[in-house]
ModelCIF file with pLDDT and N, C-alpha, C, O atoms, coordinates in Angstrom:
data_MODEL
#
_entry.id   MODEL 
#
_entity.id                         1 
_entity.type                       polymer 
_entity.pdbx_number_of_molecules   1 
#
_entity_poly.entity_id                      1 
_entity_poly.type                           'polypeptide(L)' 
_entity_poly.nstd_linkage                   no 
_entity_poly.nstd_monomer                   no 
_entity_poly.pdbx_seq_one_letter_code       SGEQEYATRGVAYCPHCDGPLFKGKKVAVIGGGNSGVEAAID 
_entity_poly.pdbx_seq_one_letter_code_can   SGEQEYATRGVAYCPHCDGPLFKGKKVAVIGGGNSGVEAAID 
_entity_poly.pdbx_strand_id                 A 
#
loop_
_entity_poly_seq.entity_id 
_entity_poly_seq.num 
_entity_poly_seq.mon_id 
_entity_poly_seq.hetero 
1 1  SER n 
1 2  GLY n 
1 3  GLU n 
1 4  GLN n 
1 5  GLU n 
1 6  TYR n 
1 7  ALA n 
1 8  THR n 
1 9  ARG n 
1 10 GLY n 
1 11 VAL n 
1 12 ALA n 
1 13 TYR n 
1 14 CYS n 
1 15 PRO n 
1 16 HIS n 
1 17 CYS n 
1 18 ASP n 
1 19 GLY n 
1 20 PRO n 
1 21 LEU n 
1 22 PHE n 
1 23 LYS n 
1 24 GLY n 
1 25 LYS n 
1 26 LYS n 
1 27 VAL n 
1 28 ALA n 
1 29 VAL n 
1 30 ILE n 
1 31 GLY n 
1 32 GLY n 
1 33 GLY n 
1 34 ASN n 
1 35 SER n 
1 36 GLY n 
1 37 VAL n 
1 38 GLU n 
1 39 ALA n 
1 40 ALA n 
1 41 ILE n 
1 42 ASP n 
#
_struct_asym.id          A 
_struct_asym.entity_id   1 
#
loop_
_ma_qa_metric.id 
_ma_qa_metric.mode 
_ma_qa_metric.name 
_ma_qa_metric.software_group_id 
_ma_qa_metric.type 
1 global pLDDT . pLDDT 
2 local  pLDDT . pLDDT 
#
_ma_qa_metric_global.metric_id      1 
_ma_qa_metric_global.metric_value   92.40 
_ma_qa_metric_global.model_id       1 
_ma_qa_metric_global.ordinal_id     1 
#
loop_
_ma_qa_metric_local.label_asym_id 
_ma_qa_metric_local.label_comp_id 
_ma_qa_metric_local.label_seq_id 
_ma_qa_metric_local.metric_id 
_ma_qa_metric_local.metric_value 
_ma_qa_metric_local.model_id 
_ma_qa_metric_local.ordinal_id 
A SER 1  2 96.00 1 1  
A GLY 2  2 96.00 1 2  
A GLU 3  2 96.00 1 3  
A GLN 4  2 92.00 1 4  
A GLU 5  2 91.00 1 5  
A TYR 6  2 92.00 1 6  
A ALA 7  2 87.00 1 7  
A THR 8  2 82.00 1 8  
A ARG 9  2 87.00 1 9  
A GLY 10 2 93.00 1 10 
A VAL 11 2 94.00 1 11 
A ALA 12 2 91.00 1 12 
A TYR 13 2 89.00 1 13 
A CYS 14 2 85.00 1 14 
A PRO 15 2 89.00 1 15 
A HIS 16 2 82.00 1 16 
A CYS 17 2 80.00 1 17 
A ASP 18 2 87.00 1 18 
A GLY 19 2 90.00 1 19 
A PRO 20 2 89.00 1 20 
A LEU 21 2 87.00 1 21 
A PHE 22 2 93.00 1 22 
A LYS 23 2 92.00 1 23 
A GLY 24 2 95.00 1 24 
A LYS 25 2 96.00 1 25 
A LYS 26 2 98.00 1 26 
A VAL 27 2 98.00 1 27 
A ALA 28 2 98.00 1 28 
A VAL 29 2 98.00 1 29 
A ILE 30 2 98.00 1 30 
A GLY 31 2 97.00 1 31 
A GLY 32 2 96.00 1 32 
A GLY 33 2 95.00 1 33 
A ASN 34 2 93.00 1 34 
A SER 35 2 90.00 1 35 
A GLY 36 2 96.00 1 36 
A VAL 37 2 97.00 1 37 
A GLU 38 2 94.00 1 38 
A ALA 39 2 95.00 1 39 
A ALA 40 2 97.00 1 40 
A ILE 41 2 96.00 1 41 
A ASP 42 2 94.00 1 42 
#
loop_
_atom_site.group_PDB 
_atom_site.id 
_atom_site.type_symbol 
_atom_site.label_atom_id 
_atom_site.label_alt_id 
_atom_site.label_comp_id 
_atom_site.label_asym_id 
_atom_site.label_entity_id 
_atom_site.label_seq_id 
_atom_site.pdbx_PDB_ins_code 
_atom_site.Cartn_x 
_atom_site.Cartn_y 
_atom_site.Cartn_z 
_atom_site.occupancy 
_atom_site.B_iso_or_equiv 
_atom_site.pdbx_formal_charge 
_atom_site.auth_seq_id 
_atom_site.auth_comp_id 
_atom_site.auth_asym_id 
_atom_site.auth_atom_id 
_atom_site.pdbx_PDB_model_num 
ATOM 1   N N  . SER A 1 1  ? 8.192   -8.324 -11.490 1.00 96.00 ? 1  SER A N  1 
ATOM 2   C CA . SER A 1 1  ? 7.424   -8.037 -12.693 1.00 96.00 ? 1  SER A CA 1 
ATOM 3   C C  . SER A 1 1  ? 6.097   -7.359 -12.349 1.00 96.00 ? 1  SER A C  1 
ATOM 4   O O  . SER A 1 1  ? 5.381   -7.804 -11.452 1.00 96.00 ? 1  SER A O  1 
ATOM 5   N N  . GLY A 1 2  ? 5.777   -6.294 -13.059 1.00 96.00 ? 2  GLY A N  1 
ATOM 6   C CA . GLY A 1 2  ? 4.497   -5.605 -12.868 1.00 96.00 ? 2  GLY A CA 1 
ATOM 7   C C  . GLY A 1 2  ? 4.552   -4.441 -11.904 1.00 96.00 ? 2  GLY A C  1 
ATOM 8   O O  . GLY A 1 2  ? 3.657   -3.596 -11.915 1.00 96.00 ? 2  GLY A O  1 
ATOM 9   N N  . GLU A 1 3  ? 5.599   -4.372 -11.052 1.00 96.00 ? 3  GLU A N  1 
ATOM 10  C CA . GLU A 1 3  ? 5.663   -3.301 -10.058 1.00 96.00 ? 3  GLU A CA 1 
ATOM 11  C C  . GLU A 1 3  ? 5.760   -1.940 -10.722 1.00 96.00 ? 3  GLU A C  1 
ATOM 12  O O  . GLU A 1 3  ? 4.991   -1.037 -10.392 1.00 96.00 ? 3  GLU A O  1 
ATOM 13  N N  . GLN A 1 4  ? 6.691   -1.776 -11.653 1.00 92.00 ? 4  GLN A N  1 
ATOM 14  C CA . GLN A 1 4  ? 6.880   -0.494 -12.326 1.00 92.00 ? 4  GLN A CA 1 
ATOM 15  C C  . GLN A 1 4  ? 5.667   -0.145 -13.185 1.00 92.00 ? 4  GLN A C  1 
ATOM 16  O O  . GLN A 1 4  ? 5.226   1.003  -13.227 1.00 92.00 ? 4  GLN A O  1 
ATOM 17  N N  . GLU A 1 5  ? 5.135   -1.166 -13.872 1.00 91.00 ? 5  GLU A N  1 
ATOM 18  C CA . GLU A 1 5  ? 3.993   -0.947 -14.769 1.00 91.00 ? 5  GLU A CA 1 
ATOM 19  C C  . GLU A 1 5  ? 2.774   -0.414 -14.022 1.00 91.00 ? 5  GLU A C  1 
ATOM 20  O O  . GLU A 1 5  ? 2.040   0.429  -14.538 1.00 91.00 ? 5  GLU A O  1 
ATOM 21  N N  . TYR A 1 6  ? 2.562   -0.917 -12.790 1.00 92.00 ? 6  TYR A N  1 
ATOM 22  C CA . TYR A 1 6  ? 1.360   -0.532 -12.052 1.00 92.00 ? 6  TYR A CA 1 
ATOM 23  C C  . TYR A 1 6  ? 1.634   0.447  -10.903 1.00 92.00 ? 6  TYR A C  1 
ATOM 24  O O  . TYR A 1 6  ? 0.796   0.627  -10.020 1.00 92.00 ? 6  TYR A O  1 
ATOM 25  N N  . ALA A 1 7  ? 2.817   1.076  -10.923 1.00 87.00 ? 7  ALA A N  1 
ATOM 26  C CA . ALA A 1 7  ? 3.093   2.146  -9.954  1.00 87.00 ? 7  ALA A CA 1 
ATOM 27  C C  . ALA A 1 7  ? 2.070   3.258  -10.161 1.00 87.00 ? 7  ALA A C  1 
ATOM 28  O O  . ALA A 1 7  ? 1.838   3.690  -11.290 1.00 87.00 ? 7  ALA A O  1 
ATOM 29  N N  . THR A 1 8  ? 1.461   3.718  -9.075  1.00 82.00 ? 8  THR A N  1 
ATOM 30  C CA . THR A 1 8  ? 0.370   4.716  -9.048  1.00 82.00 ? 8  THR A CA 1 
ATOM 31  C C  . THR A 1 8  ? -0.938  4.165  -9.600  1.00 82.00 ? 8  THR A C  1 
ATOM 32  O O  . THR A 1 8  ? -1.922  4.901  -9.671  1.00 82.00 ? 8  THR A O  1 
ATOM 33  N N  . ARG A 1 9  ? -0.979  2.894  -9.993  1.00 87.00 ? 9  ARG A N  1 
ATOM 34  C CA . ARG A 1 9  ? -2.215  2.256  -10.462 1.00 87.00 ? 9  ARG A CA 1 
ATOM 35  C C  . ARG A 1 9  ? -2.507  1.021  -9.615  1.00 87.00 ? 9  ARG A C  1 
ATOM 36  O O  . ARG A 1 9  ? -2.993  0.003  -10.106 1.00 87.00 ? 9  ARG A O  1 
ATOM 37  N N  . GLY A 1 10 ? -2.196  1.147  -8.332  1.00 93.00 ? 10 GLY A N  1 
ATOM 38  C CA . GLY A 1 10 ? -2.420  0.053  -7.394  1.00 93.00 ? 10 GLY A CA 1 
ATOM 39  C C  . GLY A 1 10 ? -1.203  -0.236 -6.556  1.00 93.00 ? 10 GLY A C  1 
ATOM 40  O O  . GLY A 1 10 ? -1.331  -0.664 -5.409  1.00 93.00 ? 10 GLY A O  1 
ATOM 41  N N  . VAL A 1 11 ? 0.007   -0.007 -7.113  1.00 94.00 ? 11 VAL A N  1 
ATOM 42  C CA . VAL A 1 11 ? 1.240   -0.139 -6.337  1.00 94.00 ? 11 VAL A CA 1 
ATOM 43  C C  . VAL A 1 11 ? 1.555   1.229  -5.741  1.00 94.00 ? 11 VAL A C  1 
ATOM 44  O O  . VAL A 1 11 ? 1.708   2.210  -6.469  1.00 94.00 ? 11 VAL A O  1 
ATOM 45  N N  . ALA A 1 12 ? 1.652   1.291  -4.417  1.00 91.00 ? 12 ALA A N  1 
ATOM 46  C CA . ALA A 1 12 ? 1.843   2.564  -3.724  1.00 91.00 ? 12 ALA A CA 1 
ATOM 47  C C  . ALA A 1 12 ? 2.930   2.434  -2.665  1.00 91.00 ? 12 ALA A C  1 
ATOM 48  O O  . ALA A 1 12 ? 3.289   1.330  -2.257  1.00 91.00 ? 12 ALA A O  1 
ATOM 49  N N  . TYR A 1 13 ? 3.449   3.580  -2.226  1.00 89.00 ? 13 TYR A N  1 
ATOM 50  C CA . TYR A 1 13 ? 4.534   3.588  -1.243  1.00 89.00 ? 13 TYR A CA 1 
ATOM 51  C C  . TYR A 1 13 ? 4.199   4.471  -0.039  1.00 89.00 ? 13 TYR A C  1 
ATOM 52  O O  . TYR A 1 13 ? 4.971   4.524  0.919   1.00 89.00 ? 13 TYR A O  1 
ATOM 53  N N  . CYS A 1 14 ? 3.071   5.156  -0.078  1.00 85.00 ? 14 CYS A N  1 
ATOM 54  C CA . CYS A 1 14 ? 2.681   6.038  1.027   1.00 85.00 ? 14 CYS A CA 1 
ATOM 55  C C  . CYS A 1 14 ? 1.261   5.705  1.482   1.00 85.00 ? 14 CYS A C  1 
ATOM 56  O O  . CYS A 1 14 ? 0.301   6.170  0.869   1.00 85.00 ? 14 CYS A O  1 
ATOM 57  N N  . PRO A 1 15 ? 1.106   4.907  2.547   1.00 89.00 ? 15 PRO A N  1 
ATOM 58  C CA . PRO A 1 15 ? -0.238  4.541  3.018   1.00 89.00 ? 15 PRO A CA 1 
ATOM 59  C C  . PRO A 1 15 ? -1.052  5.722  3.516   1.00 89.00 ? 15 PRO A C  1 
ATOM 60  O O  . PRO A 1 15 ? -2.277  5.715  3.398   1.00 89.00 ? 15 PRO A O  1 
ATOM 61  N N  . HIS A 1 16 ? -0.386  6.757  4.080   1.00 82.00 ? 16 HIS A N  1 
ATOM 62  C CA . HIS A 1 16 ? -1.119  7.937  4.557   1.00 82.00 ? 16 HIS A CA 1 
ATOM 63  C C  . HIS A 1 16 ? -1.786  8.655  3.389   1.00 82.00 ? 16 HIS A C  1 
ATOM 64  O O  . HIS A 1 16 ? -2.937  9.080  3.482   1.00 82.00 ? 16 HIS A O  1 
ATOM 65  N N  . CYS A 1 17 ? -1.046  8.784  2.289   1.00 80.00 ? 17 CYS A N  1 
ATOM 66  C CA . CYS A 1 17 ? -1.558  9.532  1.136   1.00 80.00 ? 17 CYS A CA 1 
ATOM 67  C C  . CYS A 1 17 ? -2.606  8.749  0.371   1.00 80.00 ? 17 CYS A C  1 
ATOM 68  O O  . CYS A 1 17 ? -3.696  9.251  0.099   1.00 80.00 ? 17 CYS A O  1 
ATOM 69  N N  . ASP A 1 18 ? -2.269  7.513  0.025   1.00 87.00 ? 18 ASP A N  1 
ATOM 70  C CA . ASP A 1 18 ? -3.073  6.769  -0.940  1.00 87.00 ? 18 ASP A CA 1 
ATOM 71  C C  . ASP A 1 18 ? -4.078  5.802  -0.307  1.00 87.00 ? 18 ASP A C  1 
ATOM 72  O O  . ASP A 1 18 ? -4.958  5.285  -0.995  1.00 87.00 ? 18 ASP A O  1 
ATOM 73  N N  . GLY A 1 19 ? -3.950  5.557  1.000   1.00 90.00 ? 19 GLY A N  1 
ATOM 74  C CA . GLY A 1 19 ? -4.850  4.628  1.676   1.00 90.00 ? 19 GLY A CA 1 
ATOM 75  C C  . GLY A 1 19 ? -6.333  4.905  1.455   1.00 90.00 ? 19 GLY A C  1 
ATOM 76  O O  . GLY A 1 19 ? -7.079  3.973  1.155   1.00 90.00 ? 19 GLY A O  1 
ATOM 77  N N  . PRO A 1 20 ? -6.797  6.171  1.592   1.00 89.00 ? 20 PRO A N  1 
ATOM 78  C CA . PRO A 1 20 ? -8.234  6.456  1.432   1.00 89.00 ? 20 PRO A CA 1 
ATOM 79  C C  . PRO A 1 20 ? -8.793  6.096  0.058   1.00 89.00 ? 20 PRO A C  1 
ATOM 80  O O  . PRO A 1 20 ? -10.001 5.904  -0.079  1.00 89.00 ? 20 PRO A O  1 
ATOM 81  N N  . LEU A 1 21 ? -7.946  6.001  -0.951  1.00 87.00 ? 21 LEU A N  1 
ATOM 82  C CA . LEU A 1 21 ? -8.419  5.656  -2.291  1.00 87.00 ? 21 LEU A CA 1 
ATOM 83  C C  . LEU A 1 21 ? -8.817  4.179  -2.385  1.00 87.00 ? 21 LEU A C  1 
ATOM 84  O O  . LEU A 1 21 ? -9.453  3.767  -3.355  1.00 87.00 ? 21 LEU A O  1 
ATOM 85  N N  . PHE A 1 22 ? -8.443  3.387  -1.376  1.00 93.00 ? 22 PHE A N  1 
ATOM 86  C CA . PHE A 1 22 ? -8.729  1.956  -1.395  1.00 93.00 ? 22 PHE A CA 1 
ATOM 87  C C  . PHE A 1 22 ? -9.794  1.585  -0.359  1.00 93.00 ? 22 PHE A C  1 
ATOM 88  O O  . PHE A 1 22 ? -9.856  0.447  0.104   1.00 93.00 ? 22 PHE A O  1 
ATOM 89  N N  . LYS A 1 23 ? -10.615 2.547  -0.014  1.00 92.00 ? 23 LYS A N  1 
ATOM 90  C CA . LYS A 1 23 ? -11.681 2.341  0.969   1.00 92.00 ? 23 LYS A CA 1 
ATOM 91  C C  . LYS A 1 23 ? -12.574 1.170  0.555   1.00 92.00 ? 23 LYS A C  1 
ATOM 92  O O  . LYS A 1 23 ? -13.087 1.128  -0.563  1.00 92.00 ? 23 LYS A O  1 
ATOM 93  N N  . GLY A 1 24 ? -12.751 0.214  1.486   1.00 95.00 ? 24 GLY A N  1 
ATOM 94  C CA . GLY A 1 24 ? -13.627 -0.918 1.225   1.00 95.00 ? 24 GLY A CA 1 
ATOM 95  C C  . GLY A 1 24 ? -13.051 -1.962 0.290   1.00 95.00 ? 24 GLY A C  1 
ATOM 96  O O  . GLY A 1 24 ? -13.772 -2.862 -0.139  1.00 95.00 ? 24 GLY A O  1 
ATOM 97  N N  . LYS A 1 25 ? -11.754 -1.864 -0.041  1.00 96.00 ? 25 LYS A N  1 
ATOM 98  C CA . LYS A 1 25 ? -11.143 -2.823 -0.960  1.00 96.00 ? 25 LYS A CA 1 
ATOM 99  C C  . LYS A 1 25 ? -10.125 -3.698 -0.226  1.00 96.00 ? 25 LYS A C  1 
ATOM 100 O O  . LYS A 1 25 ? -9.849  -3.490 0.955   1.00 96.00 ? 25 LYS A O  1 
ATOM 101 N N  . LYS A 1 26 ? -9.578  -4.670 -0.937  1.00 98.00 ? 26 LYS A N  1 
ATOM 102 C CA . LYS A 1 26 ? -8.576  -5.557 -0.368  1.00 98.00 ? 26 LYS A CA 1 
ATOM 103 C C  . LYS A 1 26 ? -7.191  -5.097 -0.802  1.00 98.00 ? 26 LYS A C  1 
ATOM 104 O O  . LYS A 1 26 ? -6.965  -4.817 -1.979  1.00 98.00 ? 26 LYS A O  1 
ATOM 105 N N  . VAL A 1 27 ? -6.256  -5.018 0.160   1.00 98.00 ? 27 VAL A N  1 
ATOM 106 C CA . VAL A 1 27 ? -4.900  -4.568 -0.140  1.00 98.00 ? 27 VAL A CA 1 
ATOM 107 C C  . VAL A 1 27 ? -3.890  -5.458 0.573   1.00 98.00 ? 27 VAL A C  1 
ATOM 108 O O  . VAL A 1 27 ? -4.236  -6.214 1.481   1.00 98.00 ? 27 VAL A O  1 
ATOM 109 N N  . ALA A 1 28 ? -2.625  -5.352 0.141   1.00 98.00 ? 28 ALA A N  1 
ATOM 110 C CA . ALA A 1 28 ? -1.517  -6.024 0.815   1.00 98.00 ? 28 ALA A CA 1 
ATOM 111 C C  . ALA A 1 28 ? -0.477  -4.995 1.202   1.00 98.00 ? 28 ALA A C  1 
ATOM 112 O O  . ALA A 1 28 ? -0.344  -3.960 0.549   1.00 98.00 ? 28 ALA A O  1 
ATOM 113 N N  . VAL A 1 29 ? 0.263   -5.279 2.266   1.00 98.00 ? 29 VAL A N  1 
ATOM 114 C CA . VAL A 1 29 ? 1.434   -4.491 2.661   1.00 98.00 ? 29 VAL A CA 1 
ATOM 115 C C  . VAL A 1 29 ? 2.630   -5.420 2.583   1.00 98.00 ? 29 VAL A C  1 
ATOM 116 O O  . VAL A 1 29 ? 2.606   -6.516 3.143   1.00 98.00 ? 29 VAL A O  1 
ATOM 117 N N  . ILE A 1 30 ? 3.681   -4.989 1.888   1.00 98.00 ? 30 ILE A N  1 
ATOM 118 C CA . ILE A 1 30 ? 4.890   -5.794 1.763   1.00 98.00 ? 30 ILE A CA 1 
ATOM 119 C C  . ILE A 1 30 ? 5.912   -5.275 2.778   1.00 98.00 ? 30 ILE A C  1 
ATOM 120 O O  . ILE A 1 30 ? 6.335   -4.121 2.703   1.00 98.00 ? 30 ILE A O  1 
ATOM 121 N N  . GLY A 1 31 ? 6.306   -6.126 3.720   1.00 97.00 ? 31 GLY A N  1 
ATOM 122 C CA . GLY A 1 31 ? 7.305   -5.728 4.705   1.00 97.00 ? 31 GLY A CA 1 
ATOM 123 C C  . GLY A 1 31 ? 6.806   -5.854 6.128   1.00 97.00 ? 31 GLY A C  1 
ATOM 124 O O  . GLY A 1 31 ? 5.731   -5.356 6.462   1.00 97.00 ? 31 GLY A O  1 
ATOM 125 N N  . GLY A 1 32 ? 7.597   -6.529 6.981   1.00 96.00 ? 32 GLY A N  1 
ATOM 126 C CA . GLY A 1 32 ? 7.175   -6.766 8.362   1.00 96.00 ? 32 GLY A CA 1 
ATOM 127 C C  . GLY A 1 32 ? 7.949   -6.000 9.405   1.00 96.00 ? 32 GLY A C  1 
ATOM 128 O O  . GLY A 1 32 ? 7.960   -6.375 10.577  1.00 96.00 ? 32 GLY A O  1 
ATOM 129 N N  . GLY A 1 33 ? 8.610   -4.906 8.980   1.00 95.00 ? 33 GLY A N  1 
ATOM 130 C CA . GLY A 1 33 ? 9.260   -4.026 9.949   1.00 95.00 ? 33 GLY A CA 1 
ATOM 131 C C  . GLY A 1 33 ? 8.251   -3.061 10.535  1.00 95.00 ? 33 GLY A C  1 
ATOM 132 O O  . GLY A 1 33 ? 7.048   -3.193 10.305  1.00 95.00 ? 33 GLY A O  1 
ATOM 133 N N  . ASN A 1 34 ? 8.746   -2.077 11.304  1.00 93.00 ? 34 ASN A N  1 
ATOM 134 C CA . ASN A 1 34 ? 7.842   -1.104 11.919  1.00 93.00 ? 34 ASN A CA 1 
ATOM 135 C C  . ASN A 1 34 ? 6.988   -0.372 10.891  1.00 93.00 ? 34 ASN A C  1 
ATOM 136 O O  . ASN A 1 34 ? 5.790   -0.178 11.095  1.00 93.00 ? 34 ASN A O  1 
ATOM 137 N N  . SER A 1 35 ? 7.614   0.035  9.777   1.00 90.00 ? 35 SER A N  1 
ATOM 138 C CA . SER A 1 35 ? 6.878   0.788  8.760   1.00 90.00 ? 35 SER A CA 1 
ATOM 139 C C  . SER A 1 35 ? 5.752   -0.050 8.165   1.00 90.00 ? 35 SER A C  1 
ATOM 140 O O  . SER A 1 35 ? 4.637   0.438  7.978   1.00 90.00 ? 35 SER A O  1 
ATOM 141 N N  . GLY A 1 36 ? 6.051   -1.327 7.867   1.00 96.00 ? 36 GLY A N  1 
ATOM 142 C CA . GLY A 1 36 ? 5.045   -2.195 7.272   1.00 96.00 ? 36 GLY A CA 1 
ATOM 143 C C  . GLY A 1 36 ? 3.888   -2.478 8.208   1.00 96.00 ? 36 GLY A C  1 
ATOM 144 O O  . GLY A 1 36 ? 2.727   -2.419 7.802   1.00 96.00 ? 36 GLY A O  1 
ATOM 145 N N  . VAL A 1 37 ? 4.197   -2.787 9.461   1.00 97.00 ? 37 VAL A N  1 
ATOM 146 C CA . VAL A 1 37 ? 3.142   -3.106 10.427  1.00 97.00 ? 37 VAL A CA 1 
ATOM 147 C C  . VAL A 1 37 ? 2.308   -1.864 10.745  1.00 97.00 ? 37 VAL A C  1 
ATOM 148 O O  . VAL A 1 37 ? 1.085   -1.952 10.856  1.00 97.00 ? 37 VAL A O  1 
ATOM 149 N N  . GLU A 1 38 ? 2.959   -0.714 10.892  1.00 94.00 ? 38 GLU A N  1 
ATOM 150 C CA . GLU A 1 38 ? 2.210   0.531  11.120  1.00 94.00 ? 38 GLU A CA 1 
ATOM 151 C C  . GLU A 1 38 ? 1.283   0.823  9.944   1.00 94.00 ? 38 GLU A C  1 
ATOM 152 O O  . GLU A 1 38 ? 0.145   1.248  10.141  1.00 94.00 ? 38 GLU A O  1 
ATOM 153 N N  . ALA A 1 39 ? 1.761   0.598  8.729   1.00 95.00 ? 39 ALA A N  1 
ATOM 154 C CA . ALA A 1 39 ? 0.936   0.819  7.538   1.00 95.00 ? 39 ALA A CA 1 
ATOM 155 C C  . ALA A 1 39 ? -0.268  -0.110 7.537   1.00 95.00 ? 39 ALA A C  1 
ATOM 156 O O  . ALA A 1 39 ? -1.381  0.316  7.229   1.00 95.00 ? 39 ALA A O  1 
ATOM 157 N N  . ALA A 1 40 ? -0.053  -1.380 7.879   1.00 97.00 ? 40 ALA A N  1 
ATOM 158 C CA . ALA A 1 40 ? -1.147  -2.356 7.905   1.00 97.00 ? 40 ALA A CA 1 
ATOM 159 C C  . ALA A 1 40 ? -2.199  -1.972 8.946   1.00 97.00 ? 40 ALA A C  1 
ATOM 160 O O  . ALA A 1 40 ? -3.399  -2.099 8.702   1.00 97.00 ? 40 ALA A O  1 
ATOM 161 N N  . ILE A 1 41 ? -1.736  -1.501 10.114  1.00 96.00 ? 41 ILE A N  1 
ATOM 162 C CA . ILE A 1 41 ? -2.672  -1.080 11.171  1.00 96.00 ? 41 ILE A CA 1 
ATOM 163 C C  . ILE A 1 41 ? -3.521  0.099  10.694  1.00 96.00 ? 41 ILE A C  1 
ATOM 164 O O  . ILE A 1 41 ? -4.741  0.102  10.857  1.00 96.00 ? 41 ILE A O  1 
ATOM 165 N N  . ASP A 1 42 ? -2.858  1.104  10.101  1.00 94.00 ? 42 ASP A N  1 
ATOM 166 C CA . ASP A 1 42 ? -3.579  2.276  9.612   1.00 94.00 ? 42 ASP A CA 1 
ATOM 167 C C  . ASP A 1 42 ? -4.578  1.903  8.515   1.00 94.00 ? 42 ASP A C  1 
ATOM 168 O O  . ASP A 1 42 ? -5.272  2.774  7.991   1.00 94.00 ? 42 ASP A O  1 
#
């Protein structure tokens, strides 16, 4: 619930593209595979 409603309004799928928009804020990464951990590091 809420994922579709807030897509592009906080729910994102590309950390390279959208990461800078969250500068200085708190975020979560869903997923503990290589993609998720790499995203969290970046």
